[in-house]
Every structure is written in structure tokens, then in C-alpha cells.
Amino acid sequence: MGVEVVVRWISAALFVGLCSANSVEKKIYITLNATAPCVRLMNATHQIGCQSSLTGDTGVIHLVEQESDLSWVLSDGPNPPYMVLLESSMFTRDVMLKLKSSSRVSGVAAILPPSPAPGQFSHDLKCPNDGFGLYSLNYGPEYAHCNKTLWNPEGNGLSYEDFPFPVFMLKDENETQVIRQCYQEHNRPSEGAAPAFPLCAMQLSSHMHGVKDTVTCMRRSAGQVSITLNIDGVCDPLSDFNIWTTIQPINKSGSASPEDRFVVAAARLDSRSFFWEVAPGTDSAVSGFIVLLAAAEALARTPDVKSLPKNIMFLLFQGETFDYIGSSRMVYDMTNGKFPIALENIDSFIELNQIGIGTSSEIWAHTDPVSLRNSTVNEQVQKLLASFSKVTAGMNISVRQPDQSQPLPPSSFQRFLRKRIIPGAVLTDHQAGFTNRYYQSVYDLGENIGLRYPDGLTPEEALNHVTDTAKALADVASLVARTLYLQAGGNGSLENITANAQTVTRMLYGFVINWNNSWFDSIISQDKNDIFTKQKHISFYVSVNDPTFSTVLVEHVLYNLTGHPTNLTEEQCLDPKTIPQPDTDFFNYIWVQGTLAENASKPTPHCVRANIWLTRALSPAFELADWSSTEYSTWTESRWQKVGARIFLVASRELEIITLVTGICVLITSMVLIHFLNAKSNILFSGPQEHTSVTY
């Protein structure tokens, strides 16, 4: 009986301890909620990115504001390993490689303010997508590996390094201030002397399951699925969806005849930075696809466009940052009869690539110098360039051509030219090397293309305020729309083909400033509401989720700009097969939430019909199971279980040992006491015996 009482007391104590463990943890740790990790990516030959140990890496925080602060971390500090709190000015390739080579560093937390300091900040390669474009030993070898033009001269290649410790970005100024205060109070050396314990420490957790390269991780993933039936795997191919539409609807399940001709306008949808899913990509991606969307709207409103001799196709590619995933898949599908049109159907090609011209009025039309050696192609390209010149008459914009000895910049068009010579041009805001100093970085923001708003505007006012940047991009969209019209055989008035600056300004606000706005709300299909309610920010990183949030947004904007409202009910819209004469091979349908009319309590939803389609943007290397391919992109993203960051106070090693020894002593004493209580329980816990008297 007595032993049971003791056990119950011990069980109750354990239960209370377990219940209070969470509250104790909160008292010890401060969790950092606004962070972004650097994650591991792999291709056919190697791995890049960052990772922590299985349980996370811990170190004493040391702030590095200037070069002289590194000595404390690398050699002088007495309490390694250190978790380096790195100011943005020190987040350079040289500094990071010094930290990488030291065994005294357990991780890096980068302080990146919302706006960049003057200068440059590009962690991409100087020669983006090198080896997967057009130029090689077999085609224009003098242009291979950016021999003629270094396209990203500011790039330091940091995003393509492999770090053995975690690297996180601190995104919230309040959390950053808490860390600074903790450092100032506990860790800051005083006149070179080591600070006294307790010290402020940080733990970063970002253990990656994938290792070495794509071949290894895909083989291990396949092995887990087939042998252990664990479908989780260790990595996933980078993938998403391409978006395409045509001005004249075509059968998505059919095949165009050899006589059908298409004038193609293309742009990329994706960007990246050093940190996972922090990819604003304003100039590198957003400027281009906004111009394309505005041009599509302008042409969709043109009365005779559906009767032109040639069709006009708009292509939006995903995954171009990682060795042209989307465009290479599109070319693969066209070549193998898995797409409604073939490469032979393409008449000409115009690509919009980094077109955020800001205050400049010059657009540069880049062409391929090798294909121009063919007189027929040269004649067609010159006709295209003449169309550019014709439509700019009377506009506040001009199209110029770089030196013809200069190759094409990194572009999706290169993947098409690898398979077939097509007349075309790539329109950019740069003559030679990128003018974008923040290419593929966290600072490729709206201000990078001159996007500014007057002070004091409400979100709704800012959404509809036509900025100078919107006007400039609308001019470029008008230029593109008119050129496409001419290329397709149009001979009507060009003045009526004009991009809507109001539409452009709404797209800029939504894709660059704040996606959670009334216009986006009105054009989103109701079945996508769950995606939008879960989303905290917009990123143009291709990721491994299908489709990504940014792809869904662009798709719905295209529906709004080129689609047509119908009188279908919600049931018919969601299941078009119930329509008497379904045309689902030519059109798609979405049920959108609609706008809020004046004096109405809720918006009026309706059905929109458009010939807009999604196709897989998964590298053919994974379709062919050729994970070591040198022809196609092989990029994969490692899987992980937990990503997090927190700070806490750590005691000295001596105090930790004393605490451990004390705990062991208490444990031994408790065990001896319990043994004594158990041995003497019949004496200690037995009461006086009851004597029952019996009466006869």
C-alpha cells in the first residue's frame, strides 16, 4: 500500500513536470519567427547551400560590423564556436569564405535591412546558366562561357557555394534588435577582455537530408520508395508549371498543321536569392512578365486580332534561373509531339528579359550573331527590328541594337535556338552587362526599377496610383503589342493598340509591394482561397510545390486580362462538361470572386472563360531518369524536417559541470532513499492492527 502511494506521488510529479516543460522552454529560449534559411540544392555534379547538424548548431553570438571584428571569431575569442551576427556590408564572398574555412564558426545570422546600402549585391554567378545555353564548342565557341560579354559583372557566386554550417537571414527589425541587445548586455568584449558568463547564444536548425549531388539523392529517394515504402525521399526536382495562351484559341489536345504560323512572346516567371523563398525578382523576372501580360491585354482588346494570318502565342516559363527548366521542357515537348504546336510552327520569337527600364527610354534588342550569318534568317531578323523602329515612331521610347558581334544574354530563347534556328530578339534594359546591381538577390526590389509612391497613400490609393515606372512599362508593353501585331500580319491602325497604364500599376503594386489587395481578391478563383489564406508573402522562387503561389497569381491575372465573363452558373463553371456543347479542349473556366459593387455588402462572383493552360515545368532529365544529364537541368532541393532559430543564455563550462554533478548526486540520493523506503515500507506505512472481538 505504501509503495503504491510513493509511486503515485512520483507519477504526479512527472506529469506536472511534463506539462510545465513547454513553459520552462519558453522561459529559457526566445524563438525567432521571422527568419529565412539558406537550404541545400544539388545538381548532377555537386551540392550548394547550407545545412546544420541533425539537432541544430549552437554558438556564442558575436557581432561582425567591420573587418577587424573577424579576428575575435577566427582566433582571439575564448569561447568558440561562434554564431556570427553579420551586418549586410560584411555579407560578402571574401568574408563568408573566411568563416567557412574556420572550425570556430557554427553558423551565420545575416542582418539584411529592408533597403540596400549603395553599391551592388548580387550573389549569382557572373555568367548565369553557363553551359546550358546556346553557345558551346559546337555553336559559337567564341561566345561560350561569357567570353565576349560578362553578363553579371557584379555577381560574386556566393549562392553557388557550399557551406558546412547554417546561414539564416533575419527579416524582422524587432527580433534583430532583441539579438543586438542580448549581445550588448552579455557578449560585447570590453577593451579586449572576454565577457563574463552567462553569454548570449543562438541555435540554428536546418538539417538537410539530401547530400552530394542529384544522382545520389535521387537514387536514395528511389531506394526508399521501392525498398522501405517510405515515400518521403530525401530530395525533389525543382519544378512548377509553365503558362501559355494564344490570341486565336487552338485545340490543346490537337496538333497544329505545318502551315500554321505562330509569333511567340515569352518571359520568365522565376527568380532566386541566397535565402530560401526570398526572391522578389522585380527586375530579373517581374518587369518582363508584367510587360508581357499588359501586351496580351492590349492585343486581346484589338478587334481584328483573331483574324490575322498568323497566331500570337504568349509563353511564361518557370525555373529559368536553374539552367532553363521551363523553356527546355517546352522545347522537349514541342520536339516530341507533346505540345499542340511544333518548333517548325514558330515564325518569330520576342523575349522580355529584365525590362524594368526605370527613367531610361532605351530598349536594347539582342540577337544571335551566329544565326545572322544565314542570309534568310538575317533578312527575317532585320524585318523584326524594322517593326520595332516603325512602332516607336511618336512614342517616348526607342529600340536600339547592340554591336552585332555581341551574343544573346542569358535567355529562354537560347534553348529554342539550340534545337532550331528561329528569327527573334531578346528585349532588355541593358546594352551589355546587366544594369541590375541586385540581380538574383533579396534586394531586387521595386526601388531597383524606380518604383516609388507619394507619402500618405492608403493601400487602396497606392494600388491605383499610376507611377512613372508603370507609365514606362506600359509604353514598352504597347511597343511589344504593336510589334506582335505587325509580325502576325496586321495592317490596321497601331495607335489603337495601347497598354493600359492602370493595369500595369496594379500589377506592379500586387507583385512587388503587396499581393493582398482588393484587385487580386476580385480576380482569384474561389477554389484557390485556401492557397491565399495560408500565404504570408510572395516569392518567385520555383520551389518544388505545384503550382507555386506566384504561378497561380500570374495565371489568374492573365485570365482577368484576356478572358471573357460568361453567364454560366457556378456548377457549370466548375464542371464545364455539363454545358450542352462543351469546348474544354479550347477553353478553360474559373469561378472568380468578383468586385465589390457600390453599396453592395459582398462581391458578385462570376465565371470567366479563357484559353489559358498550364504545362509541366519539370526538366526532361527527370522525365528520362537521366540524373547526370549535361543537356538538361538537374537541380533538386533537399528535404528537411525542421527549420528554426532561437537565442538563449548559456552558462560557463564550469557551471554546467557543477550542475551535472549536482544532478547526479541528487539522483543517487533519491534512488537510495526510494530503496530505503521500499525496504522499510512494511514498518513505515503499516498502521496498527485491528482486533475484532467476538461475542458468543
Foldseek 3Di string as FASTA:
>chain_A
DLLVVVVVVVVVVVVVCVVCVVVVVVVFWDFADAKFWWFWKFALFWIATEAAPQVFFKFFEDEDDDPVSVCCQQPQPPGFQYEYEYEPVQPAPVNVVSLQPGPRYAYYEYEDDLADDPDFAAQQDQAFLALQFQEDPVFPVCPHPNNPFRAQVLHPNNLGHHGHHMYMYRDDPVVVVVVVVQCVVAADDDPSHGGADFTKMKTWHGHAQDGTHLVVQVVQCVCCCVPVVPNPGWWFFQWAWKKKAKLAFDQFPAADDLQAAEEEEEFEQFFAASTPQLALCVQQGVLFVLLVLLLLLLLLPDVCQNVFQHMYMYIYAAPLSQSRLGLLVVQVCLPVVNGRYHLSRYAEYEYEGRALQAPDQEKEWFDALRLCVPVVLVVVLVVLQVLLQVLCVVPSHHYYYADSVHGAGSDSVRSSVNPPDHRYTYIHNDRGHDPQSHGRHSNPAPVSSPDDDDPPDDLVRQLQDQDPSLVSSQSVSLSVSSSSCVVSPHDDDSVSRGGDSRSSSNSCCCSGPNVPDQVLQQQAFPVCVVVVVPDDDHGRHSGRDYHDPSVSSSQSSSLVSNWDWDPDDPVCQVPVVPPPDRDVSRKHKGWGQHHADPPRPGGDITMIIGRMDIDMSGKCCVVVVVSSDSNIRNMMTTDDDDTTMIMGTDGDPVVVVVVVVVVVVVVVVVVVVSVVCVVCVCPPPDDDDDDDDDDD
